[in-house]
Amino acid sequence: MVLYIDRQLARKFKRLQTAYRDALNGLDRLAQGQFAGITLEERTELLASMERGEASKDVFPDGGKAAFEMVLAHTLQGFYGSPRHGGNKDYASWKMIGVPPLPVRGRQQYEVQS
């Protein structure tokens, strides 16, 4: 989903670049500058506290709920959306739920027999 969100931050979500920077900086502050270095359990608890709106009010005035929900919504969009937007690599989520991949407009839909 990183590719999807990264592409959209340069396009459709451009107005949210500051919100993403603030969220990432806040995560880093909560993890005392070591988010990538903390354990999976510590990361999970930190993110769960944001989901509940219980992260430090010094870092996130709303306890991190808005930042968590923003990233979650965009992650879901990338996972279930069309791969042409940068997410859902190889139609993974569509295959998982039984949705056949849609042909991309402008491409040949059938193999040509010679």
N, C-alpha and C. Protein backbone atom coordinates (compact mmCIF):
# COMPACT_ATOMS: atom_id res chain seq x y z
N MET A 1 0.80 -1.19 0.00
CA MET A 1 0.00 0.00 0.00
C MET A 1 0.85 1.26 0.00
N VAL A 2 2.13 1.10 0.29
CA VAL A 2 3.01 2.28 0.31
C VAL A 2 3.03 2.94 -1.06
N LEU A 3 3.14 2.16 -2.12
CA LEU A 3 3.18 2.72 -3.47
C LEU A 3 1.89 3.49 -3.77
N TYR A 4 0.76 2.89 -3.41
CA TYR A 4 -0.53 3.56 -3.65
C TYR A 4 -0.58 4.90 -2.91
N ILE A 5 -0.29 4.88 -1.61
CA ILE A 5 -0.38 6.11 -0.81
C ILE A 5 0.63 7.13 -1.31
N ASP A 6 1.84 6.68 -1.63
CA ASP A 6 2.87 7.60 -2.13
C ASP A 6 2.42 8.28 -3.43
N ARG A 7 1.88 7.49 -4.35
CA ARG A 7 1.39 8.07 -5.62
C ARG A 7 0.26 9.06 -5.37
N GLN A 8 -0.67 8.68 -4.50
CA GLN A 8 -1.82 9.54 -4.25
C GLN A 8 -1.43 10.83 -3.53
N LEU A 9 -0.39 10.77 -2.70
CA LEU A 9 0.07 12.00 -2.03
C LEU A 9 0.66 12.99 -3.02
N ALA A 10 1.08 12.50 -4.16
CA ALA A 10 1.59 13.39 -5.21
C ALA A 10 0.46 13.84 -6.14
N ARG A 11 -0.72 13.25 -5.98
CA ARG A 11 -1.85 13.54 -6.86
C ARG A 11 -3.09 13.92 -6.06
N LYS A 12 -4.00 12.97 -5.95
CA LYS A 12 -5.31 13.20 -5.34
C LYS A 12 -5.23 13.63 -3.87
N PHE A 13 -4.29 13.09 -3.10
CA PHE A 13 -4.18 13.40 -1.68
C PHE A 13 -3.15 14.48 -1.39
N LYS A 14 -2.77 15.26 -2.40
CA LYS A 14 -1.72 16.26 -2.23
C LYS A 14 -1.98 17.17 -1.03
N ARG A 15 -3.23 17.49 -0.80
CA ARG A 15 -3.58 18.38 0.32
C ARG A 15 -3.32 17.71 1.68
N LEU A 16 -3.09 16.39 1.68
CA LEU A 16 -2.86 15.66 2.93
C LEU A 16 -1.38 15.41 3.23
N GLN A 17 -0.50 15.97 2.41
CA GLN A 17 0.94 15.75 2.65
C GLN A 17 1.36 16.20 4.04
N THR A 18 0.89 17.35 4.48
CA THR A 18 1.25 17.84 5.81
C THR A 18 0.69 16.92 6.90
N ALA A 19 -0.53 16.44 6.72
CA ALA A 19 -1.13 15.53 7.70
C ALA A 19 -0.33 14.24 7.81
N TYR A 20 0.15 13.72 6.68
CA TYR A 20 0.98 12.51 6.71
C TYR A 20 2.32 12.79 7.38
N ARG A 21 2.93 13.91 7.06
CA ARG A 21 4.21 14.25 7.71
C ARG A 21 4.03 14.37 9.22
N ASP A 22 2.96 15.06 9.63
CA ASP A 22 2.69 15.21 11.06
C ASP A 22 2.44 13.85 11.72
N ALA A 23 1.70 12.97 11.05
CA ALA A 23 1.43 11.65 11.60
C ALA A 23 2.71 10.84 11.75
N LEU A 24 3.56 10.87 10.72
CA LEU A 24 4.83 10.13 10.80
C LEU A 24 5.75 10.70 11.87
N ASN A 25 5.82 12.02 11.96
CA ASN A 25 6.63 12.64 13.00
C ASN A 25 6.09 12.31 14.39
N GLY A 26 4.75 12.28 14.52
CA GLY A 26 4.13 11.93 15.79
C GLY A 26 4.43 10.49 16.18
N LEU A 27 4.36 9.59 15.22
CA LEU A 27 4.71 8.19 15.49
C LEU A 27 6.14 8.08 15.98
N ASP A 28 7.02 8.78 15.31
CA ASP A 28 8.43 8.74 15.69
C ASP A 28 8.63 9.31 17.10
N ARG A 29 7.91 10.38 17.41
CA ARG A 29 8.00 10.94 18.77
C ARG A 29 7.48 9.97 19.81
N LEU A 30 6.35 9.32 19.53
CA LEU A 30 5.80 8.34 20.46
C LEU A 30 6.77 7.18 20.70
N ALA A 31 7.51 6.81 19.66
CA ALA A 31 8.47 5.72 19.76
C ALA A 31 9.86 6.23 20.15
N GLN A 32 9.92 7.47 20.59
CA GLN A 32 11.17 8.11 21.02
C GLN A 32 12.25 8.04 19.93
N GLY A 33 11.81 8.30 18.70
CA GLY A 33 12.74 8.37 17.57
C GLY A 33 13.18 7.02 17.04
N GLN A 34 12.54 5.95 17.48
CA GLN A 34 12.99 4.61 17.09
C GLN A 34 11.86 3.71 16.60
N PHE A 35 10.86 4.25 15.88
CA PHE A 35 9.72 3.42 15.49
C PHE A 35 10.16 2.16 14.76
N ALA A 36 11.09 2.28 13.82
CA ALA A 36 11.54 1.10 13.08
C ALA A 36 12.31 0.13 13.97
N GLY A 37 12.84 0.62 15.08
CA GLY A 37 13.65 -0.23 15.95
C GLY A 37 12.89 -0.87 17.10
N ILE A 38 11.63 -0.53 17.30
CA ILE A 38 10.89 -1.14 18.41
C ILE A 38 10.30 -2.47 17.95
N THR A 39 9.93 -3.31 18.90
CA THR A 39 9.42 -4.64 18.57
C THR A 39 8.05 -4.55 17.91
N LEU A 40 7.66 -5.64 17.28
CA LEU A 40 6.34 -5.71 16.65
C LEU A 40 5.25 -5.50 17.69
N GLU A 41 5.41 -6.07 18.86
CA GLU A 41 4.41 -5.91 19.92
C GLU A 41 4.30 -4.45 20.35
N GLU A 42 5.44 -3.77 20.46
CA GLU A 42 5.43 -2.35 20.84
C GLU A 42 4.78 -1.50 19.75
N ARG A 43 5.08 -1.79 18.49
CA ARG A 43 4.45 -1.06 17.39
C ARG A 43 2.94 -1.29 17.38
N THR A 44 2.54 -2.55 17.58
CA THR A 44 1.12 -2.88 17.59
C THR A 44 0.40 -2.13 18.71
N GLU A 45 0.98 -2.09 19.89
CA GLU A 45 0.35 -1.39 21.01
C GLU A 45 0.30 0.12 20.75
N LEU A 46 1.36 0.67 20.18
CA LEU A 46 1.38 2.10 19.88
C LEU A 46 0.27 2.44 18.89
N LEU A 47 0.14 1.65 17.83
CA LEU A 47 -0.91 1.90 16.83
C LEU A 47 -2.30 1.65 17.41
N ALA A 48 -2.43 0.64 18.28
CA ALA A 48 -3.73 0.37 18.91
C ALA A 48 -4.14 1.54 19.80
N SER A 49 -3.17 2.14 20.48
CA SER A 49 -3.50 3.30 21.32
C SER A 49 -3.97 4.47 20.46
N MET A 50 -3.39 4.63 19.27
CA MET A 50 -3.86 5.67 18.35
C MET A 50 -5.26 5.34 17.85
N GLU A 51 -5.51 4.09 17.53
CA GLU A 51 -6.84 3.68 17.06
C GLU A 51 -7.90 3.99 18.11
N ARG A 52 -7.57 3.80 19.37
CA ARG A 52 -8.51 4.09 20.46
C ARG A 52 -8.55 5.57 20.82
N GLY A 53 -7.64 6.37 20.25
CA GLY A 53 -7.56 7.79 20.58
C GLY A 53 -6.93 8.03 21.94
N GLU A 54 -6.03 7.11 22.33
CA GLU A 54 -5.42 7.18 23.65
C GLU A 54 -3.91 7.44 23.61
N ALA A 55 -3.38 7.79 22.44
CA ALA A 55 -1.95 8.12 22.37
C ALA A 55 -1.73 9.45 23.08
N SER A 56 -0.50 9.77 23.34
CA SER A 56 -0.15 10.99 24.07
C SER A 56 -0.81 12.23 23.46
N LYS A 57 -1.52 12.97 24.29
CA LYS A 57 -2.17 14.20 23.83
C LYS A 57 -1.14 15.29 23.55
N ASP A 58 0.07 15.12 24.08
CA ASP A 58 1.15 16.06 23.77
C ASP A 58 1.60 15.93 22.32
N VAL A 59 1.46 14.74 21.78
CA VAL A 59 1.87 14.47 20.40
C VAL A 59 0.69 14.61 19.44
N PHE A 60 -0.44 14.00 19.78
CA PHE A 60 -1.65 14.05 18.97
C PHE A 60 -2.77 14.61 19.83
N PRO A 61 -3.25 15.82 19.56
CA PRO A 61 -4.31 16.40 20.39
C PRO A 61 -5.55 15.51 20.54
N ASP A 62 -5.85 14.71 19.51
CA ASP A 62 -7.01 13.83 19.57
C ASP A 62 -6.63 12.41 19.98
N GLY A 63 -5.42 12.22 20.45
CA GLY A 63 -4.96 10.89 20.84
C GLY A 63 -4.53 10.03 19.67
N GLY A 64 -4.41 10.61 18.49
CA GLY A 64 -3.93 9.88 17.31
C GLY A 64 -5.02 9.25 16.46
N LYS A 65 -6.26 9.38 16.87
CA LYS A 65 -7.37 8.73 16.17
C LYS A 65 -7.50 9.18 14.71
N ALA A 66 -7.44 10.47 14.46
CA ALA A 66 -7.61 10.98 13.09
C ALA A 66 -6.48 10.50 12.18
N ALA A 67 -5.25 10.52 12.67
CA ALA A 67 -4.11 10.06 11.87
C ALA A 67 -4.25 8.57 11.56
N PHE A 68 -4.62 7.79 12.58
CA PHE A 68 -4.80 6.35 12.38
C PHE A 68 -5.88 6.09 11.34
N GLU A 69 -7.02 6.75 11.46
CA GLU A 69 -8.14 6.52 10.54
C GLU A 69 -7.81 6.97 9.12
N MET A 70 -7.04 8.05 8.98
CA MET A 70 -6.65 8.52 7.65
C MET A 70 -5.80 7.46 6.94
N VAL A 71 -4.78 6.96 7.63
CA VAL A 71 -3.90 5.97 7.03
C VAL A 71 -4.65 4.65 6.80
N LEU A 72 -5.50 4.26 7.72
CA LEU A 72 -6.29 3.04 7.54
C LEU A 72 -7.19 3.15 6.31
N ALA A 73 -7.88 4.26 6.15
CA ALA A 73 -8.77 4.44 4.99
C ALA A 73 -7.99 4.35 3.69
N HIS A 74 -6.84 4.97 3.62
CA HIS A 74 -6.05 4.96 2.39
C HIS A 74 -5.43 3.58 2.15
N THR A 75 -5.10 2.88 3.21
CA THR A 75 -4.58 1.52 3.07
C THR A 75 -5.65 0.60 2.50
N LEU A 76 -6.87 0.72 3.00
CA LEU A 76 -7.97 -0.09 2.47
C LEU A 76 -8.27 0.26 1.01
N GLN A 77 -8.23 1.54 0.68
CA GLN A 77 -8.45 1.95 -0.71
C GLN A 77 -7.40 1.31 -1.62
N GLY A 78 -6.15 1.35 -1.18
CA GLY A 78 -5.07 0.76 -1.98
C GLY A 78 -5.19 -0.74 -2.09
N PHE A 79 -5.61 -1.40 -1.02
CA PHE A 79 -5.70 -2.86 -1.01
C PHE A 79 -6.84 -3.36 -1.89
N TYR A 80 -7.98 -2.69 -1.83
CA TYR A 80 -9.15 -3.17 -2.56
C TYR A 80 -9.38 -2.45 -3.89
N GLY A 81 -8.65 -1.40 -4.17
CA GLY A 81 -8.86 -0.64 -5.40
C GLY A 81 -8.21 -1.29 -6.61
N SER A 82 -8.27 -0.58 -7.70
CA SER A 82 -7.69 -1.07 -8.95
C SER A 82 -6.17 -0.96 -8.90
N PRO A 83 -5.46 -1.99 -9.38
CA PRO A 83 -4.00 -1.93 -9.41
C PRO A 83 -3.45 -0.76 -10.23
N ARG A 84 -4.25 -0.24 -11.13
CA ARG A 84 -3.76 0.86 -11.97
C ARG A 84 -3.45 2.12 -11.16
N HIS A 85 -3.92 2.16 -9.90
CA HIS A 85 -3.65 3.31 -9.04
C HIS A 85 -2.48 3.09 -8.10
N GLY A 86 -1.83 1.93 -8.19
CA GLY A 86 -0.63 1.67 -7.41
C GLY A 86 -0.78 0.69 -6.27
N GLY A 87 -1.99 0.21 -6.01
CA GLY A 87 -2.19 -0.77 -4.96
C GLY A 87 -2.66 -2.09 -5.53
N ASN A 88 -3.15 -2.98 -4.67
CA ASN A 88 -3.73 -4.25 -5.08
C ASN A 88 -2.86 -4.97 -6.10
N LYS A 89 -1.60 -5.14 -5.77
CA LYS A 89 -0.63 -5.77 -6.68
C LYS A 89 -1.12 -7.15 -7.14
N ASP A 90 -1.07 -7.34 -8.42
CA ASP A 90 -1.48 -8.60 -9.06
C ASP A 90 -2.93 -8.98 -8.71
N TYR A 91 -3.76 -7.98 -8.42
CA TYR A 91 -5.17 -8.20 -8.10
C TYR A 91 -5.35 -9.09 -6.87
N ALA A 92 -4.39 -9.06 -5.95
CA ALA A 92 -4.39 -9.97 -4.79
C ALA A 92 -5.70 -9.94 -4.01
N SER A 93 -6.18 -8.74 -3.68
CA SER A 93 -7.41 -8.68 -2.87
C SER A 93 -8.62 -9.12 -3.67
N TRP A 94 -8.64 -8.81 -4.94
CA TRP A 94 -9.78 -9.21 -5.77
C TRP A 94 -9.83 -10.74 -5.88
N LYS A 95 -8.66 -11.35 -6.07
CA LYS A 95 -8.60 -12.81 -6.13
C LYS A 95 -9.06 -13.40 -4.79
N MET A 96 -8.66 -12.77 -3.69
CA MET A 96 -9.00 -13.26 -2.36
C MET A 96 -10.51 -13.30 -2.15
N ILE A 97 -11.21 -12.29 -2.66
CA ILE A 97 -12.67 -12.24 -2.45
C ILE A 97 -13.46 -12.76 -3.65
N GLY A 98 -12.76 -13.27 -4.67
CA GLY A 98 -13.43 -13.90 -5.81
C GLY A 98 -13.91 -12.96 -6.89
N VAL A 99 -13.33 -11.77 -6.97
CA VAL A 99 -13.70 -10.81 -8.02
C VAL A 99 -12.72 -10.98 -9.18
N PRO A 100 -13.23 -11.25 -10.38
CA PRO A 100 -12.30 -11.42 -11.51
C PRO A 100 -11.66 -10.08 -11.88
N PRO A 101 -10.37 -10.11 -12.24
CA PRO A 101 -9.70 -8.88 -12.67
C PRO A 101 -10.40 -8.29 -13.89
N LEU A 102 -10.58 -6.99 -13.88
CA LEU A 102 -11.22 -6.30 -15.00
C LEU A 102 -10.17 -5.96 -16.05
N PRO A 103 -10.51 -6.09 -17.31
CA PRO A 103 -9.55 -5.71 -18.35
C PRO A 103 -9.30 -4.20 -18.31
N VAL A 104 -8.09 -3.82 -18.61
CA VAL A 104 -7.74 -2.40 -18.66
C VAL A 104 -8.14 -1.88 -20.03
N ARG A 105 -8.84 -0.76 -20.04
CA ARG A 105 -9.29 -0.18 -21.32
C ARG A 105 -8.10 0.09 -22.23
N GLY A 106 -8.30 -0.18 -23.50
CA GLY A 106 -7.27 0.11 -24.48
C GLY A 106 -6.31 -1.05 -24.72
N ARG A 107 -6.47 -2.12 -23.96
CA ARG A 107 -5.61 -3.28 -24.16
C ARG A 107 -6.44 -4.40 -24.77
N GLN A 108 -5.77 -5.25 -25.50
CA GLN A 108 -6.45 -6.37 -26.12
C GLN A 108 -6.92 -7.34 -25.04
N GLN A 109 -8.20 -7.68 -25.05
CA GLN A 109 -8.77 -8.53 -24.02
C GLN A 109 -8.61 -10.02 -24.32
N TYR A 110 -8.36 -10.38 -25.56
CA TYR A 110 -8.28 -11.77 -25.93
C TYR A 110 -6.99 -12.01 -26.69
N GLU A 111 -6.48 -13.22 -26.55
CA GLU A 111 -5.30 -13.58 -27.32
C GLU A 111 -5.69 -13.75 -28.79
N VAL A 112 -4.85 -13.27 -29.66
CA VAL A 112 -5.10 -13.39 -31.10
C VAL A 112 -4.48 -14.70 -31.58
N GLN A 113 -5.28 -15.53 -32.24
CA GLN A 113 -4.78 -16.79 -32.78
C GLN A 113 -4.21 -16.52 -34.17
N SER A 114 -2.98 -16.95 -34.41
CA SER A 114 -2.39 -16.72 -35.73
C SER A 114 -2.48 -17.93 -36.60
